[in-house]
Amino acid sequence: MKKQIAPVLVLLLIVITNATDLLAQTQRNVVVEHFTNTRCGICKSRNPGLFSNLSTSPEVYHISYHPSSPYSSCLLNKHDVGGNDDRTKYYGVYGSTPRVVVQGSAKGNGESFTSKDLFSAEQNKMTPLDIHLTTLQKGKDSLEVRIIIKNLATNSLKDMQLYAVAVEDTVFYEAPNGEKEHHNVFRKVLVNEALMIPSTVGDSVVFIAKTANKAEWNASRMYVMAFAQTADKRVEQVASSEGDADIDKGGGTNGVDDIARETRFFYPNPASNTLHLLSTQKMDVTTVVVSDVLGQTVSTIQVGDLEQNQISLQAYTEGTYYLQFATKSGRIVGQEKLVIIR
């Protein structure tokens, strides 16, 4: 009897495990990357249909690029020729406008911009990746956003790329083709590098995306969009900052916001002899302050003085410590408890 029940129990455990992983995942956001040009007459006639389509699905992200082909004199292309052209060439759609790429998949020249089929097949899917953006600085001089990518469930994602860009939500410009408003305009690449997904469920990696504002940008309309893409260019997850709504005003324990406290800054924990730092470069951490359980400072460590981002624990006795991670300006961007056991 037990031999007959055992396979059923194994199957039940598999079903429960799979269901748990599914519940731990989150909604995969959909993005439409739009390649257009301010001197393209066909763009003027077709773009309104795309915007109308997107307006009925506000959860779908949109970004527009202005490649230099077929019209190199496009003003919005001239603001960043390389950035606009590189993204177009990345998808192999350079040379014709308007074109759209949905979730990393290029659509054909004749694709209907008004049909829900344009992006409906990508909706209502799940992913083990969560991306959260928090605006650290926004104003006349600069834009700075923290990007936290969290692993929510067991997965096999590898060879990924993080692509993060500065975007202007609306550019008011009476273009030669008659368009007067240009939506979600690409402005500058801020991050374009390999993305290593944490192997441990619940762990995060952190990037800082920042830029000085340019004279032709409207600083109040700027935000950041971040893509996590696989080697085959599929967009696994995408998210954006929310402008004024997500500006970090401090708060939390000792000025550390809740999201920053979830970030993993070092391993292992507990530790005995050596601590390996994570995330410090991505979050511009320059100083680590070590305190005991009474809140007394035990040591202050300059990250730039460390070899291979490692802290020797030989001088510390067994016990519990708190590590605060601060930028050059003194801003605390994270805090973690460390237990030393020997």
Protein backbone atom coordinates (compact mmCIF):
# COMPACT_ATOMS: atom_id res chain seq x y z
CA MET A 1 0.00 0.00 0.00
CA LYS A 2 2.81 2.40 0.88
CA LYS A 3 4.52 1.66 -2.43
CA GLN A 4 1.38 2.74 -4.28
CA ILE A 5 0.99 5.96 -2.29
CA ALA A 6 4.63 7.08 -2.60
CA PRO A 7 4.47 8.12 -6.29
CA VAL A 8 1.31 10.08 -5.55
CA LEU A 9 3.04 11.89 -2.71
CA VAL A 10 6.04 12.69 -4.93
CA LEU A 11 3.72 14.02 -7.63
CA LEU A 12 1.87 16.10 -5.05
CA LEU A 13 5.15 17.57 -3.79
CA ILE A 14 6.13 18.48 -7.36
CA VAL A 15 2.78 20.18 -7.94
CA ILE A 16 3.06 22.10 -4.66
CA THR A 17 6.63 23.19 -5.46
CA ASN A 18 5.67 24.38 -8.93
CA ALA A 19 2.63 26.20 -7.58
CA THR A 20 4.77 27.90 -4.92
CA ASP A 21 7.25 29.11 -7.55
CA LEU A 22 4.39 30.42 -9.68
CA LEU A 23 2.87 32.30 -6.76
CA ALA A 24 6.26 33.85 -5.99
CA GLN A 25 6.50 35.33 -9.48
CA THR A 26 5.18 38.68 -10.59
CA GLN A 27 3.47 40.14 -13.63
CA ARG A 28 5.75 40.56 -16.63
CA ASN A 29 5.39 44.12 -17.90
CA VAL A 30 5.06 44.67 -21.65
CA VAL A 31 6.97 47.31 -23.61
CA VAL A 32 6.52 48.66 -27.13
CA GLU A 33 9.71 50.20 -28.54
CA HIS A 34 8.72 52.59 -31.28
CA PHE A 35 11.08 53.74 -34.07
CA THR A 36 9.91 56.93 -35.75
CA ASN A 37 11.25 60.16 -37.29
CA THR A 38 10.13 63.78 -37.22
CA ARG A 39 10.57 64.11 -41.01
CA CYS A 40 8.72 60.90 -41.85
CA GLY A 41 5.32 61.56 -43.41
CA ILE A 42 4.18 57.95 -42.99
CA CYS A 43 5.02 58.23 -39.28
CA LYS A 44 2.69 61.22 -39.04
CA SER A 45 -0.17 59.17 -40.48
CA ARG A 46 0.45 55.92 -38.58
CA ASN A 47 1.67 57.05 -35.14
CA PRO A 48 -1.73 58.34 -33.92
CA GLY A 49 -3.17 54.83 -34.32
CA LEU A 50 -0.40 53.42 -32.12
CA PHE A 51 -0.93 56.06 -29.43
CA SER A 52 -4.68 55.43 -29.49
CA ASN A 53 -4.06 51.70 -29.11
CA LEU A 54 -1.69 52.24 -26.19
CA SER A 55 -4.10 54.66 -24.48
CA THR A 56 -6.55 51.79 -23.92
CA SER A 57 -3.80 49.68 -22.36
CA PRO A 58 -2.04 52.11 -20.02
CA GLU A 59 -0.17 49.25 -18.35
CA VAL A 60 1.88 48.76 -21.56
CA TYR A 61 5.13 50.73 -21.58
CA HIS A 62 6.14 52.82 -24.60
CA ILE A 63 9.38 54.45 -25.66
CA SER A 64 10.20 56.18 -28.95
CA TYR A 65 13.55 56.34 -30.72
CA HIS A 66 14.44 58.57 -33.68
CA PRO A 67 17.01 56.85 -35.90
CA SER A 68 18.97 58.82 -38.48
CA SER A 69 17.77 56.68 -41.38
CA PRO A 70 15.88 57.46 -43.54
CA TYR A 71 16.10 61.12 -42.37
CA SER A 72 19.38 62.15 -40.74
CA SER A 73 18.22 65.76 -40.26
CA CYS A 74 15.60 64.72 -37.64
CA LEU A 75 16.07 67.08 -34.68
CA LEU A 76 15.30 64.43 -32.05
CA ASN A 77 17.85 62.12 -33.64
CA LYS A 78 20.52 64.83 -33.51
CA HIS A 79 20.16 65.12 -29.72
CA ASP A 80 21.76 61.63 -29.45
CA VAL A 81 22.56 60.09 -32.83
CA GLY A 82 24.49 57.12 -31.48
CA GLY A 83 21.94 56.13 -28.85
CA ASN A 84 19.00 56.27 -31.25
CA ASP A 85 20.78 54.44 -34.06
CA ASP A 86 22.35 51.75 -31.86
CA ARG A 87 19.01 50.59 -30.47
CA THR A 88 17.55 50.44 -33.98
CA LYS A 89 20.50 48.40 -35.24
CA TYR A 90 20.33 46.13 -32.18
CA TYR A 91 16.94 44.91 -33.38
CA GLY A 92 17.85 44.95 -37.08
CA VAL A 93 15.21 47.54 -38.05
CA TYR A 94 17.55 50.38 -39.04
CA GLY A 95 16.59 52.10 -42.28
CA SER A 96 12.81 52.28 -42.15
CA THR A 97 10.25 54.10 -40.03
CA PRO A 98 7.83 53.71 -38.42
CA ARG A 99 8.58 50.30 -36.88
CA VAL A 100 7.78 48.72 -33.53
CA VAL A 101 9.48 46.10 -31.41
CA VAL A 102 7.28 44.40 -28.80
CA GLN A 103 8.96 42.71 -25.83
CA GLY A 104 12.18 42.49 -27.84
CA SER A 105 10.56 41.02 -30.97
CA ALA A 106 10.63 43.16 -34.12
CA LYS A 107 7.33 43.48 -36.00
CA GLY A 108 7.12 43.72 -39.78
CA ASN A 109 6.77 46.89 -41.83
CA GLY A 110 3.09 46.27 -42.47
CA GLU A 111 2.14 45.47 -38.87
CA SER A 112 -1.12 47.14 -37.81
CA PHE A 113 -0.50 49.76 -35.11
CA THR A 114 -4.19 49.87 -34.19
CA SER A 115 -4.72 46.15 -33.56
CA LYS A 116 -4.70 44.78 -30.01
CA ASP A 117 -2.87 41.80 -31.48
CA LEU A 118 0.17 44.06 -31.62
CA PHE A 119 0.96 43.34 -27.96
CA SER A 120 -1.90 41.24 -26.51
CA ALA A 121 0.02 37.96 -26.93
CA GLU A 122 2.64 39.27 -24.47
CA GLN A 123 0.20 40.32 -21.78
CA ASN A 124 -0.77 38.39 -18.63
CA LYS A 125 2.49 36.46 -18.38
CA MET A 126 4.61 35.93 -15.28
CA THR A 127 8.31 36.35 -14.53
CA PRO A 128 10.64 35.62 -11.57
CA LEU A 129 12.17 39.09 -11.91
CA ASP A 130 10.94 42.22 -10.18
CA ILE A 131 12.38 45.61 -11.11
CA HIS A 132 11.82 48.61 -8.85
CA LEU A 133 13.10 52.11 -9.57
CA THR A 134 13.41 54.89 -7.02
CA THR A 135 14.26 58.46 -8.02
CA LEU A 136 17.17 59.71 -5.90
CA GLN A 137 17.64 63.05 -7.65
CA LYS A 138 15.51 64.94 -10.11
CA GLY A 139 15.74 68.59 -10.97
CA LYS A 140 17.45 71.24 -13.02
CA ASP A 141 20.94 69.76 -12.87
CA SER A 142 20.66 65.98 -12.87
CA LEU A 143 18.61 62.80 -12.87
CA GLU A 144 19.60 59.87 -10.64
CA VAL A 145 17.62 56.67 -10.15
CA ARG A 146 18.30 53.50 -8.17
CA ILE A 147 17.36 50.26 -9.95
CA ILE A 148 16.77 47.16 -7.82
CA ILE A 149 16.33 43.83 -9.58
CA LYS A 150 15.07 41.07 -7.32
CA ASN A 151 14.94 37.32 -7.85
CA LEU A 152 11.47 36.15 -6.75
CA ALA A 153 11.59 32.46 -7.68
CA THR A 154 13.86 29.65 -8.81
CA ASN A 155 14.80 30.19 -12.46
CA SER A 156 17.36 29.41 -15.15
CA LEU A 157 17.87 32.97 -16.41
CA LYS A 158 21.44 33.70 -17.47
CA ASP A 159 23.49 35.78 -19.93
CA MET A 160 21.22 38.75 -19.35
CA GLN A 161 21.67 42.45 -20.06
CA LEU A 162 20.46 45.52 -18.19
CA TYR A 163 19.59 48.43 -20.46
CA ALA A 164 18.47 51.63 -18.72
CA VAL A 165 17.75 54.93 -20.45
CA ALA A 166 16.73 58.49 -19.69
CA VAL A 167 13.33 59.31 -21.24
CA GLU A 168 11.35 62.54 -21.61
CA ASP A 169 7.62 61.89 -21.27
CA THR A 170 6.53 64.52 -23.82
CA VAL A 171 8.50 66.73 -26.17
CA PHE A 172 6.52 69.65 -27.63
CA TYR A 173 8.05 70.36 -31.01
CA GLU A 174 6.31 71.21 -34.27
CA ALA A 175 8.14 68.81 -36.54
CA PRO A 176 8.51 69.05 -40.33
CA ASN A 177 6.10 66.10 -40.73
CA GLY A 178 3.38 67.96 -38.79
CA GLU A 179 3.61 66.12 -35.46
CA LYS A 180 3.50 68.52 -32.52
CA GLU A 181 3.79 66.17 -29.55
CA HIS A 182 6.35 63.38 -29.26
CA HIS A 183 5.76 60.84 -26.50
CA ASN A 184 8.26 59.01 -24.26
CA VAL A 185 11.26 60.20 -26.20
CA PHE A 186 14.56 58.36 -25.69
CA ARG A 187 17.26 60.78 -24.53
CA LYS A 188 20.34 58.89 -23.35
CA VAL A 189 21.65 55.41 -22.47
CA LEU A 190 22.55 55.31 -18.76
CA VAL A 191 23.31 51.61 -18.20
CA ASN A 192 24.06 48.92 -20.78
CA GLU A 193 25.91 46.04 -19.17
CA ALA A 194 25.77 42.39 -18.20
CA LEU A 195 23.17 41.50 -15.58
CA MET A 196 23.88 38.64 -13.18
CA ILE A 197 20.66 37.43 -11.56
CA PRO A 198 21.19 36.45 -7.89
CA SER A 199 21.06 32.69 -7.47
CA THR A 200 19.35 32.94 -4.09
CA VAL A 201 15.61 33.59 -4.15
CA GLY A 202 14.86 36.89 -2.43
CA ASP A 203 18.25 38.45 -3.20
CA SER A 204 18.67 41.64 -5.24
CA VAL A 205 21.23 43.41 -7.37
CA VAL A 206 21.42 47.19 -7.45
CA PHE A 207 22.40 49.67 -10.15
CA ILE A 208 22.56 53.45 -10.08
CA ALA A 209 21.54 55.22 -13.30
CA LYS A 210 22.43 58.90 -13.42
CA THR A 211 23.07 61.71 -15.85
CA ALA A 212 23.52 65.45 -15.97
CA ASN A 213 20.55 67.06 -17.68
CA LYS A 214 21.06 68.63 -21.10
CA ALA A 215 19.80 72.04 -22.13
CA GLU A 216 17.35 70.57 -24.68
CA TRP A 217 15.65 68.36 -22.06
CA ASN A 218 12.77 69.43 -19.86
CA ALA A 219 14.12 68.30 -16.49
CA SER A 220 10.66 68.10 -14.91
CA ARG A 221 9.55 65.56 -17.55
CA MET A 222 12.51 63.21 -17.29
CA TYR A 223 12.37 59.64 -15.97
CA VAL A 224 14.27 56.35 -16.35
CA MET A 225 13.15 53.12 -18.02
CA ALA A 226 15.00 49.86 -17.30
CA PHE A 227 14.96 46.62 -19.33
CA ALA A 228 16.20 43.17 -18.26
CA GLN A 229 16.83 41.27 -21.51
CA THR A 230 17.92 37.75 -22.34
CA ALA A 231 20.65 36.85 -24.82
CA ASP A 232 18.03 36.43 -27.56
CA LYS A 233 16.86 40.04 -26.89
CA ARG A 234 13.60 39.02 -25.21
CA VAL A 235 12.53 41.55 -22.58
CA GLU A 236 12.09 39.48 -19.44
CA GLN A 237 11.00 42.49 -17.39
CA VAL A 238 10.74 46.24 -17.80
CA ALA A 239 9.86 49.07 -15.42
CA SER A 240 10.22 52.83 -15.13
CA SER A 241 10.58 55.45 -12.45
CA GLU A 242 7.47 57.48 -11.77
CA GLY A 243 8.86 60.98 -11.74
CA ASP A 244 7.86 62.98 -8.70
CA ALA A 245 5.75 60.13 -7.28
CA ASP A 246 8.73 57.92 -6.40
CA ILE A 247 11.33 60.46 -5.26
CA ASP A 248 13.17 59.09 -2.24
CA LYS A 249 12.71 61.50 0.66
CA GLY A 250 14.63 59.39 3.15
CA GLY A 251 12.64 57.84 5.95
CA GLY A 252 12.86 54.32 7.32
CA THR A 253 15.38 53.35 9.98
CA ASN A 254 18.27 55.82 10.17
CA GLY A 255 17.24 57.33 6.85
CA VAL A 256 17.39 54.02 4.98
CA ASP A 257 14.29 53.36 2.89
CA ASP A 258 12.57 49.96 2.95
CA ILE A 259 13.72 48.93 -0.51
CA ALA A 260 17.37 49.68 0.23
CA ARG A 261 17.17 47.61 3.42
CA GLU A 262 16.11 44.59 1.33
CA THR A 263 19.29 44.82 -0.75
CA ARG A 264 22.10 42.39 -0.02
CA PHE A 265 25.39 44.23 0.51
CA PHE A 266 27.75 41.43 1.56
CA TYR A 267 28.25 37.69 2.06
CA PRO A 268 28.57 35.34 3.86
CA ASN A 269 26.39 35.96 6.90
CA PRO A 270 27.17 34.61 9.48
CA ALA A 271 30.88 35.09 8.74
CA SER A 272 34.11 34.20 10.47
CA ASN A 273 37.23 35.59 8.81
CA THR A 274 36.43 37.58 5.67
CA LEU A 275 33.47 39.61 4.39
CA HIS A 276 32.92 40.06 0.65
CA LEU A 277 31.12 43.27 -0.32
CA LEU A 278 28.42 43.45 -2.99
CA SER A 279 26.56 46.38 -4.59
CA THR A 280 28.95 49.05 -3.32
CA GLN A 281 30.05 50.25 -6.76
CA LYS A 282 26.52 50.18 -8.17
CA MET A 283 25.23 52.33 -5.30
CA ASP A 284 28.28 54.62 -5.12
CA VAL A 285 29.12 53.43 -1.61
CA THR A 286 32.41 54.90 -0.37
CA THR A 287 32.20 54.24 3.38
CA VAL A 288 31.14 51.33 5.60
CA VAL A 289 30.45 52.14 9.26
CA VAL A 290 30.54 49.16 11.64
CA SER A 291 28.62 49.51 14.94
CA ASP A 292 27.99 47.17 17.88
CA VAL A 293 24.59 46.25 19.33
CA LEU A 294 24.69 49.36 21.56
CA GLY A 295 25.04 51.61 18.53
CA GLN A 296 28.66 52.49 19.25
CA THR A 297 30.91 52.86 16.19
CA VAL A 298 33.53 50.11 16.11
CA SER A 299 35.24 51.11 12.89
CA THR A 300 34.85 53.20 9.76
CA ILE A 301 36.06 51.57 6.54
CA GLN A 302 36.85 53.35 3.29
CA VAL A 303 35.82 51.10 0.42
CA GLY A 304 38.55 52.53 -1.81
CA ASP A 305 41.23 51.22 0.59
CA LEU A 306 40.02 47.62 0.39
CA GLU A 307 41.59 44.92 -1.73
CA GLN A 308 39.07 43.11 -3.96
CA ASN A 309 36.18 44.55 -1.92
CA GLN A 310 36.99 42.30 1.06
CA ILE A 311 36.91 43.20 4.76
CA SER A 312 39.07 41.22 7.17
CA LEU A 313 37.20 40.28 10.35
CA GLN A 314 40.27 39.15 12.31
CA ALA A 315 40.17 42.23 14.56
CA TYR A 316 36.49 41.74 15.51
CA THR A 317 35.29 39.52 18.35
CA GLU A 318 32.39 37.12 17.97
CA GLY A 319 29.00 38.76 18.16
CA THR A 320 26.45 40.88 16.31
CA TYR A 321 27.29 44.05 14.40
CA TYR A 322 25.46 46.52 12.20
CA LEU A 323 26.96 47.79 8.95
CA GLN A 324 25.82 51.03 7.36
CA PHE A 325 26.71 51.84 3.75
CA ALA A 326 27.11 55.51 2.86
CA THR A 327 27.93 57.52 -0.27
CA LYS A 328 30.56 60.26 -0.50
CA SER A 329 27.92 62.85 0.43
CA GLY A 330 27.11 60.93 3.62
CA ARG A 331 23.80 59.54 2.38
CA ILE A 332 23.02 56.13 3.91
CA VAL A 333 21.85 53.80 1.14
CA GLY A 334 21.74 50.55 3.10
CA GLN A 335 22.08 48.80 6.43
CA GLU A 336 22.60 45.13 7.31
CA LYS A 337 23.12 43.06 10.43
CA LEU A 338 26.27 40.92 10.53
CA VAL A 339 26.85 37.95 12.83
CA ILE A 340 30.46 36.84 13.40
CA ILE A 341 30.90 33.21 14.55
CA ARG A 342 34.14 31.31 15.04
